[in-house]
N, C-alpha and C. Protein backbone atom coordinates (compact mmCIF):
# COMPACT_ATOMS: atom_id res chain seq x y z
N MET A 1 22.61 -77.65 -28.67
CA MET A 1 23.80 -77.27 -29.39
C MET A 1 23.91 -78.06 -30.71
N HIS A 2 23.70 -79.39 -30.64
CA HIS A 2 23.83 -80.20 -31.84
C HIS A 2 22.74 -79.86 -32.86
N SER A 3 21.52 -79.63 -32.37
CA SER A 3 20.44 -79.32 -33.31
C SER A 3 20.70 -78.00 -34.03
N ALA A 4 21.29 -77.03 -33.34
CA ALA A 4 21.62 -75.75 -33.98
C ALA A 4 22.68 -75.96 -35.05
N LEU A 5 23.65 -76.80 -34.79
CA LEU A 5 24.70 -77.09 -35.76
C LEU A 5 24.10 -77.77 -36.99
N PHE A 6 23.27 -78.75 -36.78
CA PHE A 6 22.68 -79.47 -37.90
C PHE A 6 21.66 -78.61 -38.65
N LEU A 7 21.00 -77.71 -37.95
CA LEU A 7 20.09 -76.79 -38.61
C LEU A 7 20.84 -75.92 -39.61
N ARG A 8 21.98 -75.37 -39.19
CA ARG A 8 22.80 -74.56 -40.10
C ARG A 8 23.27 -75.40 -41.28
N LEU A 9 23.66 -76.64 -41.02
CA LEU A 9 24.11 -77.52 -42.08
C LEU A 9 22.97 -77.82 -43.05
N ASP A 10 21.79 -78.09 -42.52
CA ASP A 10 20.63 -78.35 -43.37
C ASP A 10 20.30 -77.13 -44.24
N VAL A 11 20.33 -75.95 -43.64
CA VAL A 11 20.06 -74.73 -44.39
C VAL A 11 21.12 -74.52 -45.47
N PHE A 12 22.37 -74.80 -45.14
CA PHE A 12 23.46 -74.65 -46.11
C PHE A 12 23.29 -75.63 -47.27
N ILE A 13 22.94 -76.86 -46.97
CA ILE A 13 22.73 -77.87 -48.03
C ILE A 13 21.56 -77.47 -48.92
N GLU A 14 20.49 -76.98 -48.31
CA GLU A 14 19.34 -76.52 -49.08
C GLU A 14 19.74 -75.35 -49.99
N ARG A 15 20.55 -74.44 -49.46
CA ARG A 15 21.02 -73.31 -50.26
C ARG A 15 21.84 -73.80 -51.45
N CYS A 16 22.70 -74.76 -51.21
CA CYS A 16 23.50 -75.32 -52.31
C CYS A 16 22.61 -75.95 -53.38
N MET A 17 21.57 -76.62 -52.95
CA MET A 17 20.64 -77.24 -53.91
C MET A 17 19.89 -76.16 -54.71
N ASP A 18 19.50 -75.08 -54.04
CA ASP A 18 18.84 -73.97 -54.75
C ASP A 18 19.78 -73.36 -55.78
N LEU A 19 21.02 -73.16 -55.42
CA LEU A 19 21.99 -72.60 -56.35
C LEU A 19 22.28 -73.56 -57.50
N GLU A 20 22.30 -74.84 -57.21
CA GLU A 20 22.48 -75.83 -58.27
C GLU A 20 21.30 -75.77 -59.26
N HIS A 21 20.10 -75.59 -58.73
CA HIS A 21 18.92 -75.44 -59.58
C HIS A 21 19.07 -74.23 -60.51
N ILE A 22 19.55 -73.13 -59.98
CA ILE A 22 19.74 -71.92 -60.78
C ILE A 22 20.80 -72.14 -61.86
N ILE A 23 21.88 -72.79 -61.51
CA ILE A 23 22.94 -73.07 -62.49
C ILE A 23 22.43 -74.00 -63.58
N ASP A 24 21.73 -75.05 -63.20
CA ASP A 24 21.16 -75.98 -64.19
C ASP A 24 20.18 -75.26 -65.12
N THR A 25 19.35 -74.42 -64.53
CA THR A 25 18.38 -73.67 -65.33
C THR A 25 19.09 -72.76 -66.32
N ASN A 26 20.12 -72.09 -65.86
CA ASN A 26 20.89 -71.21 -66.74
C ASN A 26 21.52 -72.00 -67.89
N MET A 27 22.09 -73.14 -67.58
CA MET A 27 22.70 -73.97 -68.62
C MET A 27 21.65 -74.45 -69.62
N ASN A 28 20.49 -74.84 -69.13
CA ASN A 28 19.41 -75.30 -70.02
C ASN A 28 18.90 -74.19 -70.92
N TYR A 29 18.76 -73.00 -70.37
CA TYR A 29 18.24 -71.89 -71.17
C TYR A 29 19.28 -71.36 -72.15
N ASN A 30 20.54 -71.58 -71.88
CA ASN A 30 21.57 -71.09 -72.81
C ASN A 30 21.48 -71.74 -74.18
N VAL A 31 20.85 -72.90 -74.29
CA VAL A 31 20.70 -73.53 -75.61
C VAL A 31 19.78 -72.70 -76.50
N LEU A 32 18.96 -71.84 -75.91
CA LEU A 32 18.06 -71.01 -76.70
C LEU A 32 18.79 -69.95 -77.52
N LYS A 33 20.01 -69.64 -77.15
CA LYS A 33 20.76 -68.61 -77.87
C LYS A 33 20.99 -68.98 -79.33
N ASP A 34 21.06 -70.27 -79.62
CA ASP A 34 21.36 -70.73 -80.97
C ASP A 34 20.14 -71.28 -81.71
N VAL A 35 18.97 -71.14 -81.14
CA VAL A 35 17.77 -71.73 -81.74
C VAL A 35 17.32 -70.91 -82.94
N VAL A 36 17.12 -71.62 -84.04
CA VAL A 36 16.51 -71.05 -85.24
C VAL A 36 15.40 -72.00 -85.63
N ILE A 37 14.18 -71.49 -85.64
CA ILE A 37 13.02 -72.32 -85.89
C ILE A 37 12.61 -72.18 -87.35
N GLY A 38 12.32 -73.32 -87.96
CA GLY A 38 11.88 -73.33 -89.36
C GLY A 38 10.38 -73.25 -89.46
N GLY A 39 9.90 -73.38 -90.67
CA GLY A 39 8.46 -73.35 -90.93
C GLY A 39 8.04 -72.02 -91.50
N THR A 40 6.78 -71.91 -91.82
CA THR A 40 6.28 -70.68 -92.45
C THR A 40 6.33 -69.48 -91.53
N LYS A 41 6.24 -69.72 -90.23
CA LYS A 41 6.31 -68.63 -89.24
C LYS A 41 7.60 -68.71 -88.42
N GLY A 42 8.59 -69.40 -88.96
CA GLY A 42 9.83 -69.63 -88.23
C GLY A 42 10.54 -68.36 -87.79
N ASP A 43 10.55 -67.34 -88.66
CA ASP A 43 11.22 -66.09 -88.29
C ASP A 43 10.56 -65.45 -87.07
N LYS A 44 9.23 -65.46 -87.05
CA LYS A 44 8.50 -64.90 -85.90
C LYS A 44 8.81 -65.68 -84.64
N PHE A 45 8.79 -67.01 -84.73
CA PHE A 45 9.05 -67.84 -83.55
C PHE A 45 10.49 -67.68 -83.08
N THR A 46 11.43 -67.54 -84.00
CA THR A 46 12.83 -67.33 -83.63
C THR A 46 12.98 -66.00 -82.90
N ARG A 47 12.31 -64.96 -83.39
CA ARG A 47 12.33 -63.66 -82.69
C ARG A 47 11.71 -63.77 -81.30
N ASP A 48 10.62 -64.52 -81.21
CA ASP A 48 9.98 -64.74 -79.91
C ASP A 48 10.96 -65.40 -78.93
N ILE A 49 11.68 -66.39 -79.40
CA ILE A 49 12.66 -67.08 -78.55
C ILE A 49 13.78 -66.13 -78.14
N LYS A 50 14.23 -65.29 -79.05
CA LYS A 50 15.27 -64.30 -78.71
C LYS A 50 14.76 -63.34 -77.64
N ASN A 51 13.49 -62.92 -77.76
CA ASN A 51 12.91 -62.05 -76.73
C ASN A 51 12.80 -62.77 -75.39
N ILE A 52 12.41 -64.01 -75.43
CA ILE A 52 12.32 -64.81 -74.21
C ILE A 52 13.70 -64.96 -73.58
N MET A 53 14.70 -65.20 -74.42
CA MET A 53 16.07 -65.33 -73.90
C MET A 53 16.53 -64.03 -73.26
N SER A 54 16.14 -62.92 -73.83
CA SER A 54 16.47 -61.62 -73.25
C SER A 54 15.81 -61.47 -71.88
N MET A 55 14.54 -61.89 -71.77
CA MET A 55 13.85 -61.87 -70.48
C MET A 55 14.57 -62.74 -69.46
N PHE A 56 14.99 -63.92 -69.91
CA PHE A 56 15.70 -64.83 -69.00
C PHE A 56 17.02 -64.20 -68.55
N ASP A 57 17.75 -63.61 -69.48
CA ASP A 57 19.02 -62.96 -69.12
C ASP A 57 18.80 -61.85 -68.10
N GLN A 58 17.74 -61.08 -68.25
CA GLN A 58 17.43 -60.02 -67.28
C GLN A 58 17.08 -60.62 -65.92
N THR A 59 16.35 -61.72 -65.93
CA THR A 59 16.00 -62.40 -64.67
C THR A 59 17.26 -62.91 -63.97
N MET A 60 18.16 -63.51 -64.74
CA MET A 60 19.41 -64.00 -64.16
C MET A 60 20.26 -62.84 -63.64
N LYS A 61 20.33 -61.78 -64.41
CA LYS A 61 21.13 -60.63 -64.00
C LYS A 61 20.60 -60.04 -62.70
N LYS A 62 19.28 -59.95 -62.60
CA LYS A 62 18.67 -59.43 -61.38
C LYS A 62 19.02 -60.32 -60.19
N PHE A 63 18.95 -61.63 -60.40
CA PHE A 63 19.23 -62.54 -59.29
C PHE A 63 20.71 -62.55 -58.92
N THR A 64 21.59 -62.46 -59.90
CA THR A 64 23.03 -62.56 -59.62
C THR A 64 23.65 -61.25 -59.19
N SER A 65 22.89 -60.17 -59.19
CA SER A 65 23.45 -58.88 -58.78
C SER A 65 22.99 -58.48 -57.38
N VAL A 66 22.72 -59.45 -56.55
CA VAL A 66 22.29 -59.16 -55.18
C VAL A 66 23.47 -58.61 -54.38
N ASP A 67 23.16 -57.89 -53.33
CA ASP A 67 24.21 -57.22 -52.54
C ASP A 67 24.56 -57.98 -51.26
N TYR A 68 24.38 -59.27 -51.26
CA TYR A 68 24.72 -60.09 -50.10
C TYR A 68 25.40 -61.37 -50.57
N ASP A 69 26.03 -62.05 -49.64
CA ASP A 69 26.71 -63.31 -49.94
C ASP A 69 25.67 -64.43 -49.98
N VAL A 70 25.48 -65.02 -51.14
CA VAL A 70 24.44 -66.05 -51.28
C VAL A 70 24.76 -67.31 -50.47
N MET A 71 25.99 -67.45 -50.04
CA MET A 71 26.34 -68.62 -49.23
C MET A 71 26.18 -68.37 -47.73
N ASP A 72 25.84 -67.16 -47.34
CA ASP A 72 25.60 -66.83 -45.94
C ASP A 72 24.22 -67.35 -45.55
N VAL A 73 24.16 -68.17 -44.51
CA VAL A 73 22.89 -68.78 -44.10
C VAL A 73 22.33 -68.19 -42.81
N GLU A 74 22.85 -67.03 -42.42
CA GLU A 74 22.28 -66.36 -41.25
C GLU A 74 20.86 -65.92 -41.57
N LEU A 75 20.04 -65.74 -40.56
CA LEU A 75 18.61 -65.51 -40.72
C LEU A 75 18.29 -64.33 -41.64
N GLU A 76 18.93 -63.20 -41.45
CA GLU A 76 18.63 -62.02 -42.26
C GLU A 76 18.94 -62.28 -43.74
N THR A 77 20.09 -62.84 -44.00
CA THR A 77 20.48 -63.14 -45.38
C THR A 77 19.62 -64.25 -45.95
N ARG A 78 19.28 -65.21 -45.12
CA ARG A 78 18.41 -66.31 -45.55
C ARG A 78 17.07 -65.77 -46.03
N ASN A 79 16.52 -64.81 -45.32
CA ASN A 79 15.25 -64.21 -45.71
C ASN A 79 15.37 -63.45 -47.04
N LYS A 80 16.47 -62.73 -47.20
CA LYS A 80 16.70 -62.01 -48.46
C LYS A 80 16.83 -63.00 -49.62
N PHE A 81 17.61 -64.04 -49.40
CA PHE A 81 17.81 -65.04 -50.46
C PHE A 81 16.48 -65.70 -50.82
N ASN A 82 15.73 -66.11 -49.81
CA ASN A 82 14.44 -66.77 -50.07
C ASN A 82 13.50 -65.86 -50.86
N ARG A 83 13.47 -64.59 -50.51
CA ARG A 83 12.64 -63.63 -51.25
C ARG A 83 13.10 -63.55 -52.71
N ASP A 84 14.39 -63.41 -52.92
CA ASP A 84 14.93 -63.29 -54.28
C ASP A 84 14.78 -64.59 -55.07
N PHE A 85 14.98 -65.71 -54.40
CA PHE A 85 14.85 -67.00 -55.07
C PHE A 85 13.40 -67.25 -55.49
N ASN A 86 12.46 -66.91 -54.62
CA ASN A 86 11.05 -67.05 -54.96
C ASN A 86 10.67 -66.15 -56.13
N SER A 87 11.19 -64.95 -56.14
CA SER A 87 10.95 -64.03 -57.25
C SER A 87 11.52 -64.62 -58.55
N PHE A 88 12.70 -65.22 -58.46
CA PHE A 88 13.32 -65.87 -59.62
C PHE A 88 12.42 -66.99 -60.14
N LYS A 89 11.92 -67.82 -59.23
CA LYS A 89 11.07 -68.94 -59.63
C LYS A 89 9.76 -68.46 -60.27
N ILE A 90 9.20 -67.40 -59.76
CA ILE A 90 7.97 -66.85 -60.34
C ILE A 90 8.24 -66.34 -61.75
N SER A 91 9.33 -65.61 -61.92
CA SER A 91 9.70 -65.12 -63.26
C SER A 91 9.96 -66.28 -64.20
N LEU A 92 10.59 -67.32 -63.69
CA LEU A 92 10.91 -68.48 -64.52
C LEU A 92 9.64 -69.20 -64.97
N LYS A 93 8.63 -69.26 -64.12
CA LYS A 93 7.36 -69.88 -64.53
C LYS A 93 6.75 -69.13 -65.70
N HIS A 94 6.80 -67.81 -65.64
CA HIS A 94 6.27 -67.00 -66.74
C HIS A 94 7.07 -67.25 -68.02
N ILE A 95 8.37 -67.31 -67.90
CA ILE A 95 9.24 -67.56 -69.05
C ILE A 95 8.99 -68.96 -69.61
N ASP A 96 8.86 -69.95 -68.73
CA ASP A 96 8.57 -71.32 -69.16
C ASP A 96 7.27 -71.40 -69.96
N LYS A 97 6.27 -70.67 -69.52
CA LYS A 97 4.98 -70.66 -70.23
C LYS A 97 5.14 -70.06 -71.62
N ARG A 98 5.94 -69.04 -71.73
CA ARG A 98 6.16 -68.42 -73.05
C ARG A 98 6.91 -69.38 -73.97
N VAL A 99 7.91 -70.08 -73.43
CA VAL A 99 8.64 -71.06 -74.25
C VAL A 99 7.70 -72.17 -74.70
N ALA A 100 6.88 -72.65 -73.78
CA ALA A 100 5.92 -73.71 -74.12
C ALA A 100 4.97 -73.25 -75.21
N SER A 101 4.55 -72.01 -75.15
CA SER A 101 3.66 -71.47 -76.17
C SER A 101 4.33 -71.45 -77.53
N VAL A 102 5.58 -71.02 -77.57
CA VAL A 102 6.32 -70.98 -78.84
C VAL A 102 6.52 -72.39 -79.38
N ILE A 103 6.87 -73.33 -78.51
CA ILE A 103 7.05 -74.71 -78.94
C ILE A 103 5.75 -75.26 -79.51
N SER A 104 4.66 -75.02 -78.83
CA SER A 104 3.36 -75.52 -79.27
C SER A 104 2.97 -74.92 -80.63
N GLN A 105 3.13 -73.62 -80.77
CA GLN A 105 2.79 -72.97 -82.04
C GLN A 105 3.71 -73.44 -83.16
N SER A 106 4.98 -73.62 -82.84
CA SER A 106 5.94 -74.10 -83.85
C SER A 106 5.62 -75.52 -84.27
N PHE A 107 5.19 -76.32 -83.31
CA PHE A 107 4.81 -77.70 -83.60
C PHE A 107 3.65 -77.73 -84.60
N GLU A 108 2.68 -76.85 -84.39
CA GLU A 108 1.55 -76.78 -85.30
C GLU A 108 1.96 -76.25 -86.68
N ASP A 109 2.90 -75.31 -86.69
CA ASP A 109 3.35 -74.71 -87.95
C ASP A 109 4.19 -75.67 -88.78
N ASN A 110 4.99 -76.48 -88.12
CA ASN A 110 5.83 -77.47 -88.81
C ASN A 110 5.03 -78.76 -88.91
N ASN A 111 4.55 -79.06 -90.10
CA ASN A 111 3.63 -80.18 -90.22
C ASN A 111 4.26 -81.48 -90.70
N THR A 112 5.57 -81.51 -90.86
CA THR A 112 6.22 -82.77 -91.23
C THR A 112 6.81 -83.42 -90.00
N PHE A 113 6.90 -84.72 -90.05
CA PHE A 113 7.46 -85.48 -88.93
C PHE A 113 8.90 -85.07 -88.66
N ASP A 114 9.68 -84.92 -89.71
CA ASP A 114 11.10 -84.56 -89.57
C ASP A 114 11.25 -83.18 -88.91
N ALA A 115 10.46 -82.22 -89.36
CA ALA A 115 10.54 -80.87 -88.79
C ALA A 115 10.14 -80.86 -87.32
N ARG A 116 9.14 -81.65 -86.97
CA ARG A 116 8.71 -81.71 -85.58
C ARG A 116 9.76 -82.38 -84.70
N CYS A 117 10.42 -83.39 -85.23
CA CYS A 117 11.51 -84.04 -84.48
C CYS A 117 12.65 -83.07 -84.24
N LYS A 118 13.01 -82.29 -85.26
CA LYS A 118 14.07 -81.29 -85.11
C LYS A 118 13.68 -80.24 -84.06
N LEU A 119 12.41 -79.90 -84.05
CA LEU A 119 11.93 -78.93 -83.07
C LEU A 119 12.13 -79.45 -81.65
N PHE A 120 11.76 -80.70 -81.44
CA PHE A 120 11.96 -81.29 -80.11
C PHE A 120 13.43 -81.42 -79.75
N GLU A 121 14.27 -81.70 -80.73
CA GLU A 121 15.71 -81.77 -80.47
C GLU A 121 16.25 -80.42 -80.02
N MET A 122 15.77 -79.34 -80.65
CA MET A 122 16.24 -78.00 -80.28
C MET A 122 15.89 -77.65 -78.83
N PHE A 123 14.75 -78.13 -78.37
CA PHE A 123 14.26 -77.75 -77.05
C PHE A 123 14.36 -78.88 -76.04
N GLU A 124 15.13 -79.91 -76.34
CA GLU A 124 15.16 -81.07 -75.46
C GLU A 124 15.63 -80.75 -74.06
N GLU A 125 16.47 -79.76 -73.89
CA GLU A 125 16.95 -79.41 -72.54
C GLU A 125 15.84 -78.79 -71.69
N LEU A 126 14.84 -78.20 -72.34
CA LEU A 126 13.78 -77.51 -71.61
C LEU A 126 12.50 -78.29 -71.48
N ILE A 127 12.35 -79.33 -72.29
CA ILE A 127 11.11 -80.10 -72.27
C ILE A 127 11.15 -81.11 -71.14
């Protein structure tokens, strides 16, 4: 009896941590909405970031429009949540790689120390 009670509690705590991860990720990615990258290819990189932000918004929308209670830790709902959460993490890895690519290319394009520092400041939440 006690192990079943603590198992539900453990699953609930893990679910809360997963949701906290999603909220933190959303807050970190929201800084991309205001990013404007300088340099000779800055317009292209800024458009790339806007496209990436659109991808992230679609990923969040897909995850937040589920048809079950994300706080329900019963087995059936737990399986649905785990499937959706794993899908979210896979999409996020792809998005992270695209952001890293833009940062790397922008770093190469901005050849002054000051411009590179500003670049890192813009993306500090994601680095």
